[in-house]
């Protein structure tokens, strides 16, 4: 067969293919439009409104506005003549709000709750530092990311000197609680929380610690702590005074105090020293029993070495028999 004949045949075949394609593309589009129109009509007649219908060839893809309509829409469109395959997708379920609680106390950080994925979990724990305890922080793909990225900045703003700090992200809101050392720290933390979730979504329950001199005045103004004669047993009045001291210390959890026991000069110096130590220890034990952390307290007996007034009258000796609270840190 001559070269000219082969060329002629090739040109003819290409021409036929071109004609077929030129005719087939409009025909396919026409078929897709027809299937789309008839499927949409069938859905409307079945009271399934708001559906999005798309065909590629004879294969249909539907998006319906209600999850309850997914199966029924599939049946309706599958029954339309000419349809080969139908896939139906309902609306995506909205993401739930993440829930995270961060507790900070004495440099220890504990994190619990639910975040969107392992990346969010790792980022938050890494932001809080290697010492953060996060065994209670889990992952759920159905949870969103709202506010999680800003929690690290909130913790940073609170610093390490606060007491009983708690940062809670729940339902798109951040709640702050605990004791901070200054109003500046509180305001900075509230601003950081507002940046994370919006200023209107912050609940501020932070307490600013009283200045140490104010706490010292409150402790000095307490009623005298009294004991049974020549004993380290608290009288009922002494127990009531220790209870008031516990209230002051609970309200100022950053304060560390030394409990000093003192006696008058009656009796031997050695017995007075032992009695003063026993009384200071009794007060410390009572405070611990009322929930004051032992690490905030120390007890020392000074006997008759620091008389407050001349030990010359019964009234003065009663003044010299005393227990005093001395703040050992600034609480800042």
Protein backbone atom coordinates (compact mmCIF):
# COMPACT_ATOMS: atom_id res chain seq x y z
CA UNK A 1 0.00 0.00 0.00
CA UNK A 2 1.43 3.30 -0.99
CA UNK A 3 2.38 5.99 1.46
CA UNK A 4 -0.31 8.27 0.05
CA UNK A 5 -2.99 5.68 0.80
CA UNK A 6 -1.82 5.29 4.43
CA UNK A 7 -1.90 9.02 4.90
CA UNK A 8 -5.39 9.17 3.51
CA UNK A 9 -6.64 6.43 5.80
CA UNK A 10 -5.03 8.10 8.84
CA UNK A 11 -6.57 11.44 8.05
CA UNK A 12 -9.95 9.80 7.63
CA UNK A 13 -9.76 7.99 10.96
CA UNK A 14 -8.67 11.13 12.81
CA UNK A 15 -11.48 13.04 11.17
CA UNK A 16 -14.05 10.49 12.22
CA UNK A 17 -12.73 10.55 15.79
CA UNK A 18 -12.89 14.29 15.84
CA UNK A 19 -16.45 14.26 14.58
CA UNK A 20 -17.37 11.66 17.22
CA UNK A 21 -15.82 13.69 20.00
CA UNK A 22 -17.42 16.87 18.77
CA UNK A 23 -20.80 15.20 18.79
CA UNK A 24 -20.21 13.16 22.00
CA UNK A 25 -19.26 16.02 24.34
CA UNK A 26 -22.46 18.00 23.78
CA UNK A 27 -24.45 14.77 23.97
CA UNK A 28 -22.84 13.89 27.31
CA UNK A 29 -23.44 17.35 28.71
CA UNK A 30 -27.02 17.14 27.54
CA UNK A 31 -27.42 13.77 29.28
CA UNK A 32 -25.90 15.10 32.50
CA UNK A 33 -28.16 18.15 32.42
CA UNK A 34 -31.18 15.93 31.80
CA UNK A 35 -30.32 13.59 34.66
CA UNK A 36 -29.69 16.55 36.95
CA UNK A 37 -33.03 18.12 36.03
CA UNK A 38 -35.04 14.93 36.45
CA UNK A 39 -33.29 13.96 39.70
CA UNK A 40 -33.87 17.43 41.18
CA UNK A 41 -37.54 17.20 40.22
CA UNK A 42 -37.84 13.75 41.80
CA UNK A 43 -36.29 15.03 45.01
CA UNK A 44 -38.68 17.96 45.15
CA UNK A 45 -41.64 15.66 44.61
CA UNK A 46 -40.36 13.54 47.51
CA UNK A 47 -40.28 16.70 49.70
CA UNK A 48 -36.48 16.69 49.91
CA UNK A 49 -35.58 20.35 49.49
CA UNK A 50 -32.25 22.13 49.28
CA UNK A 51 -30.36 19.19 47.75
CA UNK A 52 -27.37 19.84 45.49
CA UNK A 53 -27.25 17.48 42.49
CA UNK A 54 -24.34 16.91 40.14
CA UNK A 55 -23.76 14.26 37.46
CA UNK A 56 -20.61 13.06 35.73
CA UNK A 57 -21.90 10.86 32.98
CA UNK A 58 -24.61 8.75 34.57
CA UNK A 59 -23.03 8.85 38.05
CA UNK A 60 -24.73 11.24 40.47
CA UNK A 61 -23.36 12.99 43.56
CA UNK A 62 -25.79 14.56 46.01
CA UNK A 63 -25.43 16.79 49.05
CA UNK A 64 -28.56 17.02 51.19
CA UNK A 65 -29.26 19.53 53.95
CA UNK A 66 -30.47 16.99 56.51
CA UNK A 67 -28.75 13.83 57.68
CA UNK A 68 -32.20 12.24 57.93
CA UNK A 69 -32.64 12.57 54.14
CA UNK A 70 -29.46 10.78 53.08
CA UNK A 71 -30.86 7.28 52.52
CA UNK A 72 -34.21 8.45 51.11
CA UNK A 73 -32.48 10.79 48.64
CA UNK A 74 -30.28 7.92 47.46
CA UNK A 75 -33.35 5.77 46.81
CA UNK A 76 -35.21 8.55 44.98
CA UNK A 77 -32.37 9.41 42.60
CA UNK A 78 -31.38 5.78 42.03
CA UNK A 79 -34.91 5.20 40.75
CA UNK A 80 -34.56 7.89 38.06
CA UNK A 81 -34.22 6.29 34.64
CA UNK A 82 -30.70 6.42 33.26
CA UNK A 83 -28.95 6.84 36.62
CA UNK A 84 -26.19 4.31 37.22
CA UNK A 85 -24.58 5.17 40.60
CA UNK A 86 -25.61 7.61 43.34
CA UNK A 87 -23.49 8.88 46.22
CA UNK A 88 -25.15 11.02 48.88
CA UNK A 89 -23.53 13.12 51.57
CA UNK A 90 -25.30 14.83 54.44
CA UNK A 91 -24.25 18.01 56.25
CA UNK A 92 -21.04 17.79 58.22
CA UNK A 93 -21.57 17.62 61.99
CA UNK A 94 -20.36 20.81 63.68
CA UNK A 95 -17.20 20.49 65.73
CA UNK A 96 -17.65 20.38 69.48
CA UNK A 97 -15.83 22.95 71.59
CA UNK A 98 -12.55 21.77 73.13
CA UNK A 99 -12.40 21.41 76.89
CA UNK A 100 -9.08 21.98 78.68
CA UNK A 101 -8.25 22.52 82.35
CA UNK A 102 -4.78 23.63 83.47
CA UNK A 103 -3.89 23.65 87.16
CA UNK A 104 -0.74 25.50 88.24
CA UNK A 105 0.56 25.39 91.79
CA UNK A 106 4.09 25.61 93.22
CA UNK A 107 5.58 25.28 89.74
CA UNK A 108 3.64 22.09 88.99
CA UNK A 109 1.41 22.09 85.90
CA UNK A 110 -1.32 19.52 85.29
CA UNK A 111 -3.36 19.49 82.10
CA UNK A 112 -6.55 17.55 81.37
CA UNK A 113 -9.37 17.66 78.84
CA UNK A 114 -9.96 17.04 75.12
CA UNK A 115 -8.32 18.63 72.07
CA UNK A 116 -8.74 18.08 68.32
CA UNK A 117 -5.69 16.00 67.43
CA UNK A 118 -2.25 14.87 68.49
CA UNK A 119 -0.67 17.94 66.92
CA UNK A 120 -2.75 20.25 69.12
CA UNK A 121 -1.97 18.12 72.17
CA UNK A 122 1.78 18.13 71.51
CA UNK A 123 1.81 21.86 70.79
CA UNK A 124 0.03 22.70 74.04
CA UNK A 125 2.13 20.41 76.22
CA UNK A 126 5.31 21.66 74.55
CA UNK A 127 4.25 25.26 75.14
CA UNK A 128 3.71 24.56 78.84
CA UNK A 129 7.12 22.94 79.25
CA UNK A 130 8.58 19.48 79.68
CA UNK A 131 7.43 19.28 83.30
CA UNK A 132 3.75 19.58 82.45
CA UNK A 133 1.72 16.52 83.43
CA UNK A 134 -0.75 15.77 80.62
CA UNK A 135 -1.85 12.17 81.10
CA UNK A 136 -5.45 13.40 81.33
CA UNK A 137 -5.33 15.30 78.02
CA UNK A 138 -6.94 13.24 75.24
CA UNK A 139 -7.61 13.62 71.50
CA UNK A 140 -10.96 13.62 69.69
CA UNK A 141 -11.32 14.41 65.98
CA UNK A 142 -14.82 15.71 66.61
CA UNK A 143 -13.47 18.61 68.66
CA UNK A 144 -12.50 22.01 67.26
CA UNK A 145 -9.49 24.16 68.08
CA UNK A 146 -11.22 27.25 69.51
CA UNK A 147 -8.99 28.96 72.08
CA UNK A 148 -6.50 26.12 72.63
CA UNK A 149 -3.59 27.93 70.95
CA UNK A 150 -3.89 30.85 73.38
CA UNK A 151 -3.74 28.84 76.62
CA UNK A 152 0.05 28.79 76.78
CA UNK A 153 0.16 32.59 76.77
CA UNK A 154 -2.37 32.69 79.61
CA UNK A 155 -0.22 30.36 81.72
CA UNK A 156 2.89 32.43 80.95
CA UNK A 157 1.14 35.63 82.02
CA UNK A 158 0.23 34.15 85.41
CA UNK A 159 3.87 33.34 86.15
CA UNK A 160 5.15 30.91 88.77
CA UNK A 161 4.39 32.81 91.99
CA UNK A 162 0.63 32.37 92.06
CA UNK A 163 -1.13 29.84 94.25
CA UNK A 164 -3.92 27.41 93.37
CA UNK A 165 -4.19 28.74 89.81
CA UNK A 166 -6.74 27.19 87.47
CA UNK A 167 -7.31 28.00 83.80
CA UNK A 168 -10.38 26.36 82.31
CA UNK A 169 -11.41 26.47 78.63
CA UNK A 170 -14.98 25.26 78.18
CA UNK A 171 -17.68 26.02 75.60
CA UNK A 172 -15.58 28.78 74.07
CA UNK A 173 -15.00 30.56 77.40
CA UNK A 174 -11.94 30.80 79.64
CA UNK A 175 -12.34 30.95 83.42
CA UNK A 176 -9.43 32.06 85.62
CA UNK A 177 -9.19 31.32 89.34
CA UNK A 178 -6.55 31.33 92.08
CA UNK A 179 -4.34 33.84 93.84
CA UNK A 180 -1.87 36.07 91.99
CA UNK A 181 0.72 38.39 93.46
CA UNK A 182 -0.45 41.65 91.90
CA UNK A 183 -3.21 43.40 89.98
CA UNK A 184 -0.81 43.76 87.04
CA UNK A 185 -0.47 39.98 86.76
CA UNK A 186 -4.25 39.58 86.97
CA UNK A 187 -4.89 42.17 84.26
CA UNK A 188 -2.24 40.65 82.00
CA UNK A 189 -3.73 37.17 82.38
CA UNK A 190 -7.26 38.42 81.67
CA UNK A 191 -6.00 40.20 78.55
CA UNK A 192 -4.23 37.04 77.33
CA UNK A 193 -7.39 35.00 77.87
CA UNK A 194 -9.41 37.62 76.01
CA UNK A 195 -7.04 37.40 73.08
CA UNK A 196 -7.57 33.63 72.97
CA UNK A 197 -11.40 33.57 73.08
CA UNK A 198 -12.56 37.18 72.93
CA UNK A 199 -12.74 39.65 75.80
CA UNK A 200 -16.42 38.97 76.39
CA UNK A 201 -15.77 35.27 76.95
CA UNK A 202 -13.51 35.52 80.01
CA UNK A 203 -14.59 34.88 83.59
CA UNK A 204 -12.15 36.47 86.05
CA UNK A 205 -12.18 34.90 89.51
CA UNK A 206 -8.55 35.69 90.31
CA UNK A 207 -7.71 37.08 93.74
CA UNK A 208 -4.82 39.45 94.32
CA UNK A 209 -2.77 38.51 97.37
CA UNK A 210 -2.66 41.09 100.12
CA UNK A 211 0.69 42.87 100.61
CA UNK A 212 2.85 41.01 103.15
CA UNK A 213 2.81 43.92 105.58
CA UNK A 214 -0.98 43.84 105.55
CA UNK A 215 -0.99 40.12 106.28
CA UNK A 216 1.51 40.65 109.10
CA UNK A 217 -0.75 43.29 110.64
CA UNK A 218 -3.69 40.90 110.43
CA UNK A 219 -1.70 38.20 112.25
CA UNK A 220 -0.50 40.62 114.92
CA UNK A 221 -4.05 41.80 115.58
CA UNK A 222 -5.31 38.28 116.36
CA UNK A 223 -6.49 37.52 119.89
CA UNK A 224 -3.77 36.06 122.16
CA UNK A 225 -3.20 32.33 121.79
CA UNK A 226 -3.48 30.92 125.30
CA UNK A 227 -2.66 27.55 126.88
CA UNK A 228 -3.44 25.61 130.01
CA UNK A 229 -1.06 26.45 132.90
CA UNK A 230 2.46 25.11 132.33
CA UNK A 231 1.14 23.13 129.34
CA UNK A 232 1.15 23.08 125.57
CA UNK A 233 -2.60 22.32 125.52
CA UNK A 234 -4.59 25.10 123.89
CA UNK A 235 -7.46 26.63 125.84
CA UNK A 236 -10.80 27.02 124.04
CA UNK A 237 -9.91 30.69 123.56
CA UNK A 238 -6.51 29.66 122.21
CA UNK A 239 -8.14 27.25 119.75
CA UNK A 240 -10.44 30.03 118.52
CA UNK A 241 -7.43 32.33 118.00
CA UNK A 242 -5.58 29.64 116.00
CA UNK A 243 -8.70 29.16 113.86
CA UNK A 244 -8.64 32.88 113.03
CA UNK A 245 -4.97 32.59 112.11
CA UNK A 246 -5.87 29.72 109.77
CA UNK A 247 -8.44 31.96 108.07
CA UNK A 248 -5.80 34.62 107.43
CA UNK A 249 -3.35 32.06 106.04
CA UNK A 250 -5.97 30.43 103.81
CA UNK A 251 -6.80 33.84 102.33
CA UNK A 252 -3.10 34.43 101.60
CA UNK A 253 -1.76 31.10 100.32
CA UNK A 254 1.58 32.51 99.19
CA UNK A 255 2.58 33.52 102.72
CA UNK A 256 5.10 31.43 104.67
CA UNK A 257 5.28 31.99 108.43
CA UNK A 258 7.47 31.10 111.38
CA UNK A 259 5.57 30.37 114.60
CA UNK A 260 7.52 31.65 117.59
CA UNK A 261 6.77 30.47 121.12
CA UNK A 262 7.73 32.70 124.08
CA UNK A 263 7.47 32.37 127.87
CA UNK A 264 7.94 34.58 130.88
CA UNK A 265 11.04 34.33 133.05
CA UNK A 266 9.45 32.21 135.77
CA UNK A 267 11.16 28.85 136.18
CA UNK A 268 14.39 27.60 134.63
CA UNK A 269 15.58 28.76 131.25
CA UNK A 270 15.72 25.14 130.01
CA UNK A 271 12.13 24.34 131.01
CA UNK A 272 10.93 27.61 129.53
CA UNK A 273 12.70 26.84 126.25
CA UNK A 274 11.13 23.37 126.05
CA UNK A 275 7.66 24.72 126.89
CA UNK A 276 7.88 27.48 124.30
CA UNK A 277 8.92 24.96 121.63
CA UNK A 278 6.06 22.63 122.56
CA UNK A 279 3.55 25.47 122.38
CA UNK A 280 4.80 26.69 118.99
CA UNK A 281 4.60 23.11 117.71
CA UNK A 282 1.06 22.73 119.08
CA UNK A 283 -0.05 25.80 117.14
CA UNK A 284 1.63 24.51 113.99
CA UNK A 285 -0.04 21.11 114.35
CA UNK A 286 -3.43 22.78 114.82
CA UNK A 287 -2.96 24.88 111.68
CA UNK A 288 -1.99 21.82 109.65
CA UNK A 289 -5.08 20.01 110.95
CA UNK A 290 -7.13 22.94 109.60
CA UNK A 291 -5.72 22.56 106.12
CA UNK A 292 -2.67 24.85 106.09
CA UNK A 293 0.18 23.20 104.19
CA UNK A 294 3.02 22.10 106.43
CA UNK A 295 5.54 23.49 103.95
CA UNK A 296 4.32 27.00 104.73
CA UNK A 297 4.96 26.66 108.46
CA UNK A 298 7.85 26.30 110.87
CA UNK A 299 7.88 26.34 114.67
CA UNK A 300 10.58 27.56 117.05
CA UNK A 301 10.70 28.01 120.81
CA UNK A 302 12.60 31.02 122.20
CA UNK A 303 11.79 30.58 125.88
CA UNK A 304 12.43 33.68 127.95
CA UNK A 305 15.11 35.10 125.64
CA UNK A 306 12.87 37.75 124.04
CA UNK A 307 10.70 39.26 126.71
CA UNK A 308 8.27 41.78 125.27
CA UNK A 309 7.90 43.81 128.48
CA UNK A 310 9.76 43.77 131.83
CA UNK A 311 8.86 40.51 133.55
CA UNK A 312 7.99 42.24 136.85
CA UNK A 313 4.22 41.91 137.30
CA UNK A 314 1.62 39.19 136.68
CA UNK A 315 0.16 41.33 133.89
CA UNK A 316 3.54 41.73 132.19
CA UNK A 317 4.32 38.03 132.56
CA UNK A 318 1.01 37.23 130.81
CA UNK A 319 2.08 39.46 127.92
CA UNK A 320 5.45 37.73 127.70
CA UNK A 321 3.75 34.31 127.46
CA UNK A 322 2.79 34.51 123.83
CA UNK A 323 2.90 32.94 120.36
CA UNK A 324 3.77 35.16 117.40
CA UNK A 325 3.52 34.67 113.63
CA UNK A 326 6.42 36.09 111.62
CA UNK A 327 6.15 36.23 107.84
CA UNK A 328 9.22 34.67 106.25
CA UNK A 329 8.60 35.64 102.63
CA UNK A 330 7.00 38.49 100.75
CA UNK A 331 4.45 36.23 99.06
CA UNK A 332 5.46 37.82 95.73
